[in-house]
Amino acid sequence: MFSLLLSLGMVGDTQTMDSKEQSADDNKRVCRSVETLGSKIPKRVCRTQGEWAQLDRANSSMSTESIRRDRSYSRGTQNSN
């Protein structure tokens, strides 16, 4: 949820930049700590800002689709007794 809010805040800022500045920011290397399944120790992953933005958009759309699918599934399985 926090990453969704953060990514929405970043979208507003990037729209006001010039294309030159935005492409320079997209090539900037950013490292994040990522939790891996089955481990308590986070893994450090480094990618460009553009790659992180693309992953954030994909994760956001996948979570939205998952929520929509769950809601439609639960409506169809209710008993009418």
C-alpha atoms as a PDB file:
ATOM      1  CA  MET A   1       0.000   0.000   0.000  1.00  0.00           C
ATOM      2  CA  PHE A   2       2.807   2.376   0.931  1.00  0.00           C
ATOM      3  CA  SER A   3       4.660   1.700  -2.307  1.00  0.00           C
ATOM      4  CA  LEU A   4       1.482   2.456  -4.270  1.00  0.00           C
ATOM      5  CA  LEU A   5       1.138   5.848  -2.570  1.00  0.00           C
ATOM      6  CA  LEU A   6       4.816   6.535  -3.075  1.00  0.00           C
ATOM      7  CA  SER A   7       4.651   5.650  -6.758  1.00  0.00           C
ATOM      8  CA  LEU A   8       1.551   7.826  -7.247  1.00  0.00           C
ATOM      9  CA  GLY A   9       3.368  10.737  -5.634  1.00  0.00           C
ATOM     10  CA  MET A  10       6.362  10.219  -7.895  1.00  0.00           C
ATOM     11  CA  VAL A  11       4.183  10.189 -11.027  1.00  0.00           C
ATOM     12  CA  GLY A  12       3.003  13.741 -10.348  1.00  0.00           C
ATOM     13  CA  ASP A  13       6.577  14.962  -9.970  1.00  0.00           C
ATOM     14  CA  THR A  14       7.927  13.314 -13.111  1.00  0.00           C
ATOM     15  CA  GLN A  15       5.218  14.756 -15.353  1.00  0.00           C
ATOM     16  CA  THR A  16       6.462  18.295 -14.725  1.00  0.00           C
ATOM     17  CA  MET A  17      10.091  17.565 -15.661  1.00  0.00           C
ATOM     18  CA  ASP A  18      11.588  18.144 -19.072  1.00  0.00           C
ATOM     19  CA  SER A  19      12.191  15.037 -21.153  1.00  0.00           C
ATOM     20  CA  LYS A  20      15.984  15.479 -20.830  1.00  0.00           C
ATOM     21  CA  GLU A  21      15.830  15.627 -17.046  1.00  0.00           C
ATOM     22  CA  GLN A  22      13.443  12.697 -16.923  1.00  0.00           C
ATOM     23  CA  SER A  23      15.661  10.485 -19.081  1.00  0.00           C
ATOM     24  CA  ALA A  24      18.652  11.365 -16.894  1.00  0.00           C
ATOM     25  CA  ASP A  25      16.651  10.432 -13.792  1.00  0.00           C
ATOM     26  CA  ASP A  26      15.503   7.190 -15.437  1.00  0.00           C
ATOM     27  CA  ASN A  27      19.140   6.148 -15.901  1.00  0.00           C
ATOM     28  CA  LYS A  28      20.062   6.853 -12.267  1.00  0.00           C
ATOM     29  CA  ARG A  29      20.943   3.661 -10.376  1.00  0.00           C
ATOM     30  CA  VAL A  30      18.803   2.997  -7.261  1.00  0.00           C
ATOM     31  CA  CYS A  31      19.168   0.111  -4.799  1.00  0.00           C
ATOM     32  CA  ARG A  32      16.331  -1.268  -2.675  1.00  0.00           C
ATOM     33  CA  SER A  33      16.071  -3.946  -0.017  1.00  0.00           C
ATOM     34  CA  VAL A  34      13.674  -6.651  -1.196  1.00  0.00           C
ATOM     35  CA  GLU A  35      12.189  -9.367   0.993  1.00  0.00           C
ATOM     36  CA  THR A  36      12.637 -12.863  -0.381  1.00  0.00           C
ATOM     37  CA  LEU A  37      10.277 -15.725   0.346  1.00  0.00           C
ATOM     38  CA  GLY A  38      11.659 -18.094   2.967  1.00  0.00           C
ATOM     39  CA  SER A  39      14.311 -15.731   4.291  1.00  0.00           C
ATOM     40  CA  LYS A  40      14.342 -13.116   7.024  1.00  0.00           C
ATOM     41  CA  ILE A  41      17.321 -11.352   5.487  1.00  0.00           C
ATOM     42  CA  PRO A  42      16.380  -8.807   2.799  1.00  0.00           C
ATOM     43  CA  LYS A  43      18.240  -8.942  -0.495  1.00  0.00           C
ATOM     44  CA  ARG A  44      19.695  -5.772  -2.017  1.00  0.00           C
ATOM     45  CA  VAL A  45      18.591  -5.237  -5.620  1.00  0.00           C
ATOM     46  CA  CYS A  46      19.946  -2.420  -7.793  1.00  0.00           C
ATOM     47  CA  ARG A  47      18.191  -1.217 -10.949  1.00  0.00           C
ATOM     48  CA  THR A  48      17.704   2.021 -12.827  1.00  0.00           C
ATOM     49  CA  GLN A  49      14.977   4.429 -11.743  1.00  0.00           C
ATOM     50  CA  GLY A  50      13.108   3.710 -14.994  1.00  0.00           C
ATOM     51  CA  GLU A  51      13.166  -0.049 -14.347  1.00  0.00           C
ATOM     52  CA  TRP A  52      11.863   0.457 -10.785  1.00  0.00           C
ATOM     53  CA  ALA A  53       9.070   2.702 -12.095  1.00  0.00           C
ATOM     54  CA  GLN A  54       8.098   0.059 -14.652  1.00  0.00           C
ATOM     55  CA  LEU A  55       8.068  -2.665 -11.970  1.00  0.00           C
ATOM     56  CA  ASP A  56       6.013  -0.478  -9.631  1.00  0.00           C
ATOM     57  CA  ARG A  57       3.418   0.134 -12.359  1.00  0.00           C
ATOM     58  CA  ALA A  58       3.244  -3.584 -13.178  1.00  0.00           C
ATOM     59  CA  ASN A  59       2.874  -4.538  -9.507  1.00  0.00           C
ATOM     60  CA  SER A  60       0.189  -1.916  -9.017  1.00  0.00           C
ATOM     61  CA  SER A  61      -1.853  -3.112 -11.993  1.00  0.00           C
ATOM     62  CA  MET A  62      -1.449  -6.756 -10.941  1.00  0.00           C
ATOM     63  CA  SER A  63      -2.648  -6.034  -7.400  1.00  0.00           C
ATOM     64  CA  THR A  64      -5.604  -4.018  -8.706  1.00  0.00           C
ATOM     65  CA  GLU A  65      -6.527  -6.861 -11.058  1.00  0.00           C
ATOM     66  CA  SER A  66      -6.206  -9.395  -8.238  1.00  0.00           C
ATOM     67  CA  ILE A  67      -8.510  -7.384  -5.975  1.00  0.00           C
ATOM     68  CA  ARG A  68     -11.065  -7.005  -8.771  1.00  0.00           C
ATOM     69  CA  ARG A  69     -10.943 -10.722  -9.502  1.00  0.00           C
ATOM     70  CA  ASP A  70     -11.346 -11.631  -5.808  1.00  0.00           C
ATOM     71  CA  ARG A  71     -14.381  -9.377  -5.453  1.00  0.00           C
ATOM     72  CA  SER A  72     -16.122 -10.794  -8.517  1.00  0.00           C
ATOM     73  CA  TYR A  73     -15.368 -14.354  -7.388  1.00  0.00           C
ATOM     74  CA  SER A  74     -16.805 -13.845  -3.904  1.00  0.00           C
ATOM     75  CA  ARG A  75     -20.038 -12.402  -5.306  1.00  0.00           C
ATOM     76  CA  GLY A  76     -20.596 -15.411  -7.511  1.00  0.00           C
ATOM     77  CA  THR A  77     -20.207 -18.026  -4.779  1.00  0.00           C
ATOM     78  CA  GLN A  78     -22.688 -16.715  -2.209  1.00  0.00           C
ATOM     79  CA  ASN A  79     -25.615 -18.978  -1.361  1.00  0.00           C
ATOM     80  CA  SER A  80     -29.101 -17.606  -1.936  1.00  0.00           C
ATOM     81  CA  ASN A  81     -30.782 -19.480   0.969  1.00  0.00           C
END
